[in-house]
Amino acid sequence: MIKEIISAYRREKHMEHKNNSGFTLVELVVVMVIVGILAS
């Protein structure tokens, strides 16, 4: 599960070259999902 999230995150990050300032929407979603998994 986490490996799939990380691989998807890396794919999205690879495509988001233009926006390198601050968090992208994908990064925020990934962080929220990981925090949700850790909190449960």
C-alpha atoms as a PDB file:
ATOM      1  CA  MET A   1       0.000   0.000   0.000  1.00  0.00           C
ATOM      2  CA  ILE A   2       2.636   2.534   1.059  1.00  0.00           C
ATOM      3  CA  LYS A   3       4.979   1.446  -1.744  1.00  0.00           C
ATOM      4  CA  GLU A   4       2.194   2.088  -4.257  1.00  0.00           C
ATOM      5  CA  ILE A   5       1.578   5.549  -2.776  1.00  0.00           C
ATOM      6  CA  ILE A   6       5.289   6.387  -2.919  1.00  0.00           C
ATOM      7  CA  SER A   7       5.648   5.181  -6.507  1.00  0.00           C
ATOM      8  CA  ALA A   8       2.570   7.160  -7.562  1.00  0.00           C
ATOM      9  CA  TYR A   9       3.947  10.182  -5.692  1.00  0.00           C
ATOM     10  CA  ARG A  10       7.280   9.889  -7.491  1.00  0.00           C
ATOM     11  CA  ARG A  11       5.515   9.624 -10.860  1.00  0.00           C
ATOM     12  CA  GLU A  12       3.449  12.734 -10.169  1.00  0.00           C
ATOM     13  CA  LYS A  13       6.468  14.610  -8.825  1.00  0.00           C
ATOM     14  CA  HIS A  14       8.412  13.742 -11.966  1.00  0.00           C
ATOM     15  CA  MET A  15       5.656  15.325 -14.060  1.00  0.00           C
ATOM     16  CA  GLU A  16       5.365  18.474 -11.909  1.00  0.00           C
ATOM     17  CA  HIS A  17       8.564  20.206 -12.985  1.00  0.00           C
ATOM     18  CA  LYS A  18       6.916  23.588 -13.538  1.00  0.00           C
ATOM     19  CA  ASN A  19       5.647  24.033  -9.978  1.00  0.00           C
ATOM     20  CA  ASN A  20       8.619  23.624  -7.644  1.00  0.00           C
ATOM     21  CA  SER A  21       7.674  26.211  -5.010  1.00  0.00           C
ATOM     22  CA  GLY A  22       5.746  24.977  -1.984  1.00  0.00           C
ATOM     23  CA  PHE A  23       3.563  21.877  -1.925  1.00  0.00           C
ATOM     24  CA  THR A  24       1.692  20.652  -4.950  1.00  0.00           C
ATOM     25  CA  LEU A  25      -1.831  19.305  -4.510  1.00  0.00           C
ATOM     26  CA  VAL A  26      -0.537  15.774  -5.005  1.00  0.00           C
ATOM     27  CA  GLU A  27       2.016  16.182  -2.219  1.00  0.00           C
ATOM     28  CA  LEU A  28      -0.657  17.432   0.198  1.00  0.00           C
ATOM     29  CA  VAL A  29      -2.904  14.465  -0.629  1.00  0.00           C
ATOM     30  CA  VAL A  30      -0.026  12.010  -0.147  1.00  0.00           C
ATOM     31  CA  VAL A  31       0.849  13.551   3.232  1.00  0.00           C
ATOM     32  CA  MET A  32      -2.783  13.412   4.356  1.00  0.00           C
ATOM     33  CA  VAL A  33      -3.080   9.753   3.344  1.00  0.00           C
ATOM     34  CA  ILE A  34       0.124   8.799   5.185  1.00  0.00           C
ATOM     35  CA  VAL A  35      -0.915  10.718   8.311  1.00  0.00           C
ATOM     36  CA  GLY A  36      -4.322   8.997   8.143  1.00  0.00           C
ATOM     37  CA  ILE A  37      -2.654   5.584   7.965  1.00  0.00           C
ATOM     38  CA  LEU A  38      -0.354   6.372  10.885  1.00  0.00           C
ATOM     39  CA  ALA A  39      -3.190   7.793  12.993  1.00  0.00           C
ATOM     40  CA  SER A  40      -5.482   4.787  12.543  1.00  0.00           C
END
